[in-house]
Each structure stands twice: as structure tokens, then as C-alpha cells.
Protein backbone atom coordinates (compact mmCIF):
# COMPACT_ATOMS: atom_id res chain seq x y z
CA MET A 1 98.91 131.50 152.38
CA PRO A 2 99.04 133.68 149.07
CA THR A 3 95.87 132.86 147.10
CA SER A 4 98.19 132.21 144.10
CA LEU A 5 100.13 129.68 146.21
CA LYS A 6 97.12 127.66 147.14
CA PRO A 7 96.93 124.15 145.41
CA ARG A 8 94.34 123.96 142.87
CA CYS A 9 91.91 120.89 142.78
CA VAL A 10 91.66 119.70 139.30
CA VAL A 11 88.43 117.79 138.68
CA HIS A 12 88.58 115.00 135.85
CA SER A 13 85.24 114.79 134.32
CA PRO A 14 84.04 111.28 133.59
CA PHE A 15 82.11 112.58 130.49
CA ALA A 16 85.60 114.36 129.47
CA SER A 17 87.29 111.11 129.51
CA LEU A 18 84.43 109.10 127.89
CA SER A 19 84.29 111.53 124.86
CA VAL A 20 88.19 111.05 124.43
CA THR A 21 87.73 107.31 124.63
CA LEU A 22 84.97 107.07 122.20
CA MET A 23 87.06 109.81 119.76
CA SER A 24 89.99 107.43 119.96
CA ILE A 25 88.00 104.21 119.09
CA PHE A 26 86.00 106.38 116.08
CA LEU A 27 89.39 107.51 114.92
CA ARG A 28 91.08 103.95 115.20
CA LYS A 29 88.22 102.16 113.08
CA HIS A 30 87.69 104.93 110.32
CA TYR A 31 91.24 106.66 110.33
CA PHE A 32 91.51 104.97 107.02
CA ASN A 33 88.18 106.60 105.26
CA LEU A 34 89.03 109.77 106.92
CA LEU A 35 92.72 110.10 105.45
CA LEU A 36 91.66 109.02 102.22
CA PRO A 37 90.09 112.36 100.86
CA LEU A 38 93.15 113.99 102.06
CA VAL A 39 95.45 111.35 100.14
CA LEU A 40 93.36 111.73 97.30
CA LEU A 41 93.66 115.87 97.50
CA LEU A 42 97.40 115.76 97.97
CA ALA A 43 97.78 113.40 95.28
CA TRP A 44 96.06 115.92 93.01
CA ALA A 45 98.18 118.96 94.21
CA SER A 46 101.29 117.11 93.83
CA ARG A 47 100.23 115.80 90.49
CA ASP A 48 103.19 117.68 88.88
CA VAL A 49 105.42 117.10 91.36
CA ALA A 50 108.49 114.59 90.19
CA LEU A 51 110.28 112.61 93.10
CA SER A 52 113.89 113.02 93.82
CA GLU A 53 116.04 110.74 91.53
CA HIS A 54 117.43 109.28 94.42
CA VAL A 55 114.07 108.07 95.75
CA SER A 56 112.45 105.07 93.55
CA ARG A 57 108.75 105.15 93.38
CA SER A 58 108.55 101.52 92.31
CA ALA A 59 110.94 100.47 95.45
CA LEU A 60 108.43 102.65 97.65
CA GLN A 61 105.81 100.69 96.21
CA SER A 62 107.16 97.24 96.56
CA GLY A 63 108.17 98.01 100.17
CA ALA A 64 104.81 99.15 101.09
CA VAL A 65 103.27 95.80 99.62
CA ILE A 66 106.04 93.78 101.50
CA VAL A 67 104.80 95.78 104.88
CA ILE A 68 101.02 95.09 104.13
CA PHE A 69 101.61 91.38 103.37
CA LEU A 70 103.87 90.85 106.48
CA ILE A 71 101.43 92.55 108.57
CA THR A 72 98.46 90.60 107.09
CA GLY A 73 100.23 87.45 107.59
CA PHE A 74 101.27 88.10 111.32
CA LEU A 75 97.80 89.07 112.11
CA LEU A 76 95.81 86.19 110.47
CA PRO A 77 93.23 85.14 113.06
CA LEU A 78 94.72 81.33 113.03
CA LYS A 79 92.13 79.98 115.36
CA GLU A 80 89.32 81.08 113.19
CA PHE A 81 90.80 79.82 110.32
CA LEU A 82 91.44 76.45 111.52
CA ALA A 83 87.94 76.36 112.84
CA GLY A 84 86.54 76.90 109.55
CA VAL A 85 88.05 74.51 107.58
CA ALA A 86 85.30 71.67 107.38
CA ASN A 87 82.96 73.88 105.82
CA VAL A 88 83.71 72.68 102.40
CA ARG A 89 80.37 73.76 100.52
CA LEU A 90 80.61 77.50 102.06
CA HIS A 91 84.18 77.47 100.84
CA VAL A 92 83.58 76.26 97.22
CA TRP A 93 80.57 78.39 96.84
CA ALA A 94 82.29 81.45 97.92
CA GLN A 95 85.32 80.88 95.90
CA SER A 96 83.21 80.25 92.51
CA PHE A 97 81.28 83.26 93.29
CA SER A 98 84.19 85.44 93.58
CA PHE A 99 86.52 84.26 91.00
CA LEU A 100 83.59 83.06 88.36
CA ALA A 101 80.12 84.59 88.84
CA TYR A 102 81.83 87.72 89.96
CA PRO A 103 83.88 88.40 86.67
CA LEU A 104 81.21 87.27 84.34
CA ALA A 105 78.86 89.35 85.83
CA MET A 106 81.34 92.14 85.61
CA LEU A 107 82.02 91.21 82.24
CA ALA A 108 78.43 91.78 80.97
CA VAL A 109 78.44 95.03 82.81
CA VAL A 110 81.54 96.61 80.87
CA THR A 111 79.87 95.20 77.62
CA VAL A 112 76.55 96.88 77.94
CA GLY A 113 78.29 100.29 79.29
CA GLN A 114 80.53 100.97 76.72
CA ALA A 115 78.06 104.14 76.23
CA TRP A 116 79.01 105.64 79.44
CA LEU A 117 82.44 103.93 80.35
CA THR A 118 85.50 104.89 79.04
CA PRO A 119 87.85 101.76 78.01
CA GLU A 120 90.16 102.53 81.04
CA ILE A 121 87.43 102.78 83.31
CA ARG A 122 86.04 99.23 81.45
CA GLN A 123 89.56 97.52 81.82
CA GLY A 124 89.91 98.70 86.07
CA MET A 125 86.34 97.30 86.51
CA LEU A 126 87.53 93.79 84.91
CA VAL A 127 90.64 93.87 87.34
CA LEU A 128 88.32 94.61 90.07
CA ALA A 129 86.21 91.64 89.39
CA VAL A 130 89.34 89.11 89.31
CA VAL A 131 90.81 90.10 92.45
CA PRO A 132 90.28 88.18 95.71
CA THR A 133 87.93 89.19 98.41
CA THR A 134 89.34 91.39 101.57
CA VAL A 135 90.32 89.57 105.04
CA SER A 136 89.63 91.68 108.02
CA SER A 137 87.06 93.74 106.63
CA CYS A 138 84.59 90.67 105.75
CA VAL A 139 85.47 89.05 108.99
CA ILE A 140 84.81 92.13 110.66
CA TYR A 141 81.05 92.55 109.08
CA THR A 142 80.35 88.83 109.33
CA THR A 143 81.01 89.11 112.93
CA LEU A 144 78.58 92.42 113.21
CA ALA A 145 75.99 90.27 111.22
CA ARG A 146 76.49 87.60 113.58
CA GLY A 147 77.27 84.96 110.68
CA ASN A 148 79.80 82.05 110.56
CA ILE A 149 82.86 84.16 111.34
CA ALA A 150 85.27 80.82 111.30
CA GLY A 151 84.02 80.12 108.07
CA ALA A 152 84.62 83.71 106.68
CA ALA A 153 88.05 83.77 108.33
CA PHE A 154 89.02 80.72 106.37
CA THR A 155 87.09 81.43 102.92
CA ALA A 156 88.74 84.92 103.03
CA ILE A 157 92.23 83.82 103.78
CA ALA A 158 92.26 80.52 101.30
CA GLY A 159 90.85 82.87 98.59
CA ASN A 160 93.76 85.27 99.17
CA PHE A 161 96.05 82.57 98.76
CA ALA A 162 94.69 81.14 95.66
CA GLY A 163 94.07 84.85 94.19
CA VAL A 164 97.80 85.35 94.15
CA ILE A 165 97.67 82.68 91.41
CA ILE A 166 93.99 82.85 89.79
CA SER A 167 93.96 86.52 89.67
CA PRO A 168 96.79 87.02 86.99
CA LEU A 169 95.43 84.32 85.10
CA LEU A 170 92.07 85.64 84.86
CA PHE A 171 93.51 89.09 84.01
CA SER A 172 95.51 87.62 81.18
CA LEU A 173 92.18 86.01 79.98
CA LEU A 174 89.51 88.72 80.47
CA VAL A 175 91.52 92.12 80.40
CA ALA A 176 94.97 91.57 78.46
CA THR A 177 93.56 89.59 75.47
CA THR A 178 90.55 92.28 74.89
CA ALA A 179 92.94 95.31 75.68
CA GLY A 180 96.03 94.21 73.67
CA ILE A 181 98.01 94.45 76.92
CA SER A 182 101.35 92.06 77.20
CA VAL A 183 101.30 90.57 80.47
CA ASP A 184 105.38 90.61 81.54
CA TRP A 185 105.04 87.29 83.72
CA ASN A 186 108.40 87.97 85.05
CA GLN A 187 106.98 90.70 87.04
CA ILE A 188 104.04 88.95 88.03
CA GLY A 189 106.35 86.10 89.43
CA SER A 190 108.53 89.17 91.29
CA LEU A 191 104.96 90.24 92.54
CA LEU A 192 104.09 86.67 93.80
CA LEU A 193 107.27 86.52 95.60
CA GLU A 194 106.83 90.15 97.16
CA ILE A 195 103.37 88.83 98.52
CA LEU A 196 103.84 85.31 99.35
CA VAL A 197 107.00 85.58 101.06
CA PRO A 198 105.94 88.31 103.60
CA LEU A 199 102.87 86.76 104.06
CA LEU A 200 104.14 83.18 104.98
CA PHE A 201 106.82 84.80 107.15
CA GLY A 202 104.41 87.04 109.05
CA LEU A 203 102.21 83.83 109.41
CA ALA A 204 105.57 81.90 110.83
CA LEU A 205 105.91 84.82 113.40
CA ARG A 206 102.44 84.74 114.67
CA THR A 207 102.80 80.79 115.45
CA ARG A 208 105.44 81.75 117.79
CA VAL A 209 103.22 84.59 119.50
CA ARG A 210 100.43 82.96 122.01
CA LEU A 211 98.62 86.20 122.99
CA LEU A 212 98.78 89.02 120.55
CA PRO A 213 98.41 92.42 122.76
CA PRO A 214 95.17 94.30 121.46
CA SER A 215 97.37 97.59 121.54
CA LEU A 216 100.10 95.80 119.14
CA GLY A 217 97.50 94.65 116.81
CA ASN A 218 95.54 97.99 116.60
CA THR A 219 99.07 99.60 115.76
CA LEU A 220 99.71 97.15 113.21
CA ARG A 221 96.68 97.53 111.28
CA VAL A 222 97.31 101.42 111.17
CA VAL A 223 100.99 100.88 109.64
CA SER A 224 99.39 98.54 107.17
CA GLY A 225 96.80 101.08 106.24
CA LEU A 226 99.20 103.69 106.01
CA ALA A 227 101.27 101.82 103.64
CA LEU A 228 98.14 101.32 101.45
CA LEU A 229 97.26 105.01 101.78
CA LEU A 230 100.72 105.32 100.15
CA ILE A 231 100.07 103.06 97.14
CA ILE A 232 96.89 104.59 96.39
CA TYR A 233 98.80 108.10 96.68
CA PHE A 234 101.05 106.80 93.87
CA ALA A 235 98.30 105.47 91.66
CA VAL A 236 96.11 108.65 91.99
CA GLN A 237 99.17 110.87 91.28
CA SER A 238 99.93 108.84 88.06
CA ALA A 239 95.97 108.94 86.84
CA LEU A 240 96.08 112.91 87.16
CA GLY A 241 99.31 113.44 85.47
CA PRO A 242 99.65 115.81 82.64
CA LYS A 243 99.65 113.23 80.06
CA SER A 244 96.41 111.42 81.51
CA SER A 245 93.26 110.60 79.61
CA ILE A 246 91.35 111.37 82.35
CA TRP A 247 91.60 115.50 81.96
CA ARG A 248 89.54 114.75 78.70
CA TRP A 249 86.48 113.31 80.34
CA SER A 250 83.24 114.72 80.60
CA LEU A 251 81.31 115.09 83.81
CA GLY A 252 79.33 111.82 82.74
CA GLU A 253 82.43 109.83 82.14
CA LEU A 254 83.55 111.08 85.58
CA VAL A 255 80.18 110.29 87.36
CA GLY A 256 79.44 106.86 85.50
CA PRO A 257 82.03 104.35 87.39
CA VAL A 258 80.62 105.80 90.72
CA LEU A 259 77.17 105.29 89.89
CA THR A 260 77.60 101.94 88.12
CA LEU A 261 79.60 100.29 90.95
CA THR A 262 77.14 101.12 93.54
CA VAL A 263 74.45 99.43 91.67
CA PHE A 264 76.65 96.58 91.04
CA ASN A 265 77.74 96.17 94.44
CA LEU A 266 73.91 96.29 95.72
CA SER A 267 72.75 94.02 92.99
CA MET A 268 75.64 91.59 93.72
CA LEU A 269 74.39 91.60 97.76
CA ALA A 270 70.90 90.71 96.28
CA ALA A 271 72.07 88.07 94.12
CA ILE A 272 74.29 86.47 96.44
CA TRP A 273 71.70 86.37 99.15
CA TRP A 274 68.86 84.84 97.32
CA SER A 275 71.02 82.21 95.28
CA SER A 276 72.68 80.91 98.49
CA ARG A 277 69.27 80.85 100.08
CA LEU A 278 68.13 78.76 96.97
CA SER A 279 71.23 76.33 97.38
CA GLY A 280 70.17 75.58 100.90
CA LEU A 281 72.80 77.08 102.84
CA PRO A 282 72.26 77.65 106.54
CA ARG A 283 71.36 81.56 107.27
CA ASP A 284 74.82 82.30 109.12
CA ASP A 285 76.48 80.87 105.91
CA ARG A 286 74.51 83.17 103.90
CA LYS A 287 75.52 86.26 105.95
CA THR A 288 79.15 85.15 105.60
CA MET A 289 78.94 84.60 101.82
CA LEU A 290 77.21 87.98 101.49
CA PHE A 291 80.28 89.77 102.57
CA VAL A 292 83.17 87.40 101.48
CA GLY A 293 81.44 87.18 97.73
CA SER A 294 80.81 90.79 97.63
CA GLN A 295 83.95 92.52 98.44
CA LYS A 296 87.08 92.83 96.66
CA THR A 297 90.73 93.85 98.26
CA VAL A 298 92.41 96.93 97.03
CA THR A 299 95.40 95.66 98.84
CA VAL A 300 96.11 92.71 96.36
CA GLY A 301 94.62 94.78 93.70
CA LEU A 302 96.71 97.68 93.13
CA PRO A 303 100.09 95.74 93.44
CA LEU A 304 98.73 93.57 90.39
CA LEU A 305 97.64 96.75 88.62
CA HIS A 306 101.13 98.07 88.98
CA ALA A 307 102.98 94.92 87.55
CA PHE A 308 100.23 94.62 84.76
CA TYR A 309 100.79 98.49 83.73
CA SER A 310 104.27 98.99 84.60
CA ASP A 311 105.22 100.40 81.50
CA THR A 312 102.44 102.73 81.19
CA PRO A 313 102.03 104.25 84.48
CA GLU A 314 99.65 107.22 83.62
CA LEU A 315 97.24 104.24 82.37
CA MET A 316 97.82 102.29 85.14
CA GLY A 317 96.60 105.08 87.56
CA VAL A 318 93.49 105.63 85.37
CA VAL A 319 92.67 101.71 85.55
CA SER A 320 93.30 101.72 89.58
CA ILE A 321 90.04 104.40 89.78
CA PRO A 322 87.55 101.58 89.85
CA LEU A 323 89.37 99.79 92.89
CA ILE A 324 89.87 103.08 94.85
CA ILE A 325 85.92 103.78 94.41
CA TYR A 326 85.07 100.49 95.31
CA HIS A 327 87.14 100.08 98.51
CA PRO A 328 85.14 102.75 100.69
CA LEU A 329 81.83 102.36 98.59
CA GLN A 330 81.93 98.66 99.67
CA LEU A 331 82.77 99.33 103.22
CA VAL A 332 79.94 101.88 103.73
CA ILE A 333 77.11 99.58 102.21
CA ALA A 334 78.39 96.58 104.28
CA GLY A 335 78.21 98.84 107.43
CA PHE A 336 74.38 99.26 106.39
CA VAL A 337 73.40 95.71 105.85
CA ALA A 338 75.25 94.14 108.51
CA PRO A 339 73.65 95.76 111.44
CA ARG A 340 70.16 95.04 109.91
CA LEU A 341 70.97 91.18 109.51
CA ALA A 342 71.81 91.16 113.27
CA GLU A 343 68.44 92.74 114.33
CA ASP A 344 66.29 90.07 113.32
CA PRO A 345 67.69 86.91 112.32
CA GLU A 346 64.03 85.61 111.14
CA ASP A 347 63.68 88.65 108.77
CA GLU A 348 64.66 87.00 105.13
CA HIS A 349 63.51 90.49 103.69
CA MET A 350 66.32 92.52 105.50
CA VAL A 351 69.00 92.31 102.73
CA GLU A 352 66.17 93.21 100.31
CA ASN A 353 65.35 95.99 102.26
CA ALA A 354 68.74 97.24 102.98
CA THR A 355 69.61 97.02 98.94
């Protein structure tokens, strides 16, 4: 038989298969943070590009919000949610920290930080302070830290439901009155429908699905993340527009929000840990408090900003910067803290050393 016609023996290396599997897992877990810089770069490159007159930016953003909350409702961890109902003390403590202590602490920071923070950034930091916690992220990091997973699921989900009502009220109290912004409650009502209706519809669909295939759940999470990246793209594009005040900022005004939010997140982690310890919460609940109390959701925050600043898109883009900065920042810091909490459950100095 001619050499060219001899069958080839293909050897599949187990190391190659393992590498592909690990790369797939890595991309699935970190695709959002990997794509975020590219989205920011694309928003900068297209800052002077206008959408076609047949395409509505507002309609695209509203569609993205509906997709995100439809998927959020469908992927809610119902078993963990129901299992965590009874821990009333944890829930009250967590919501008090998220909607009371956190905004008050941020109000103190923006008052002191007038020397290095622009008025738009201070508004954005107050908006960041009044939005609810994350859902999936705080549950994931509570799991990594070996905390109270059921408590994290219920507290985070309940906080997001409550935040749909509480966040606009806190915004009108802390931001609108001090910045002279008129709140359009008709738009807020429309936004509530955009959030609540798909969220409840997704939840109703989930009750009819007994077993959710992991591949479907992963795909839906990616779709939700891409929808969120679309909202971020429009926000940053508006922030970098030719009429935006960001082009008049100094280097210190650009770096100031990043450093301030980093120190603030670390300070809040320490405050939550030690105050919950003094209150007598069990250690597992303190781990849950650490992530539920310190994290803020950009998924609710950006749509709220869009409703608050619909008449001034350039201002809305700049005000959204703290939310966009804080989202990956809190995930990176939580990713550093959570595994260390799981290493030695008896080490009470773990958070102090990590922060």
C-alpha cells in the first residue's frame, strides 16, 4: 500500500483534553471580566458614532433589562431561597447594612471627598450605595467561604425585590434633593414593570422546570452577562461623548474614584465582619454578611440610572462610572477573601489580614 494511503493513527493526548476543559471552565467563569475592557475600549472608539435613526438606544437598553431579569428569575435558586427563610436575624441585619449603614457611610465619604471627587462621581457613588446587593455573586462567594448558602440566597433575593422599591426612594432622598434632580416617577414606574414582570415571569417558568440542565444554566448566564455588557457599553459611550465633562478632568479626578472605592470596599468588609461578630451572629452567618452586605448589583443600578438621568444621557454616563468601577473591583476583592475564610474556620484574623 502506498505510504500516502496508509491510515493515520491519531493519538489524543489526555493533557490536551484537560487543557481545553480547564480553558473552557476559565472562560465560562471569567468571560465577563475578560470582555469588560474590550467593551470599554469599543465604547471609547465609537464615542462619536450615532445609532441609525431606525434603532432606538432606549429600546435596546429596555430589551437588555428585560432579558437580564427574565433570566435572573428563571435561574433563582429556589431550594436555597426557601431553606433560608427562617433566619430572620441574618436577613434583618443584612438589609439594614445594605440599605441603611452602607448609604450613610457613603454619604460621609462623598462629603469628605469633595476635594478629590467631582460632583458627578459623588452622585454616582451615592447611587451605588442605594442599590441592592448582587444575587449570584454573593451566593458563589459565600459558597467558596463555606458560609450559610441558604441564608445568602434568601437575603440576596429578598434584598433585590425590596430594592426595586427602596432604591428609588433612597435616591430621591440622598441624591435628587442634594443635586437638584427631578425624579420622574412615571419612568420609575415603567422601570419597575420592566424589572418585576420579567423577574416574576422567569420565576413562574422555573417552578415548572424540575431539573435544570447545567449547560442551559451556563448558557443563560452568559446571555444575561452579554445583555449587561450592552447596557455598560451604552453608559460608557454616553460618558465619553463630546459634551461630557469627563474630558475636562485632571489625572487626580480620574484616579480618585478607583482608590476611594477600593478603600471603601475594604473598610466595609472589615466593618461588617467585626460588627456582625460583636452582634453575636454565628460564624457562617458572618461569612454570608460579608458578601451580601458589601456587594452592590450593577444589574439593577444601571437601569435605575437610565431612568433617573434619561433627559441628560451625558451626565448619566459619567454618574454610572462608580458602578462600573465597583462591579469588577468587588469581585476581585471577594475572590481574594473568600478562599481564605474557608482555609481555617477558627482563624478570626483572616478577614483582617485579607483586608
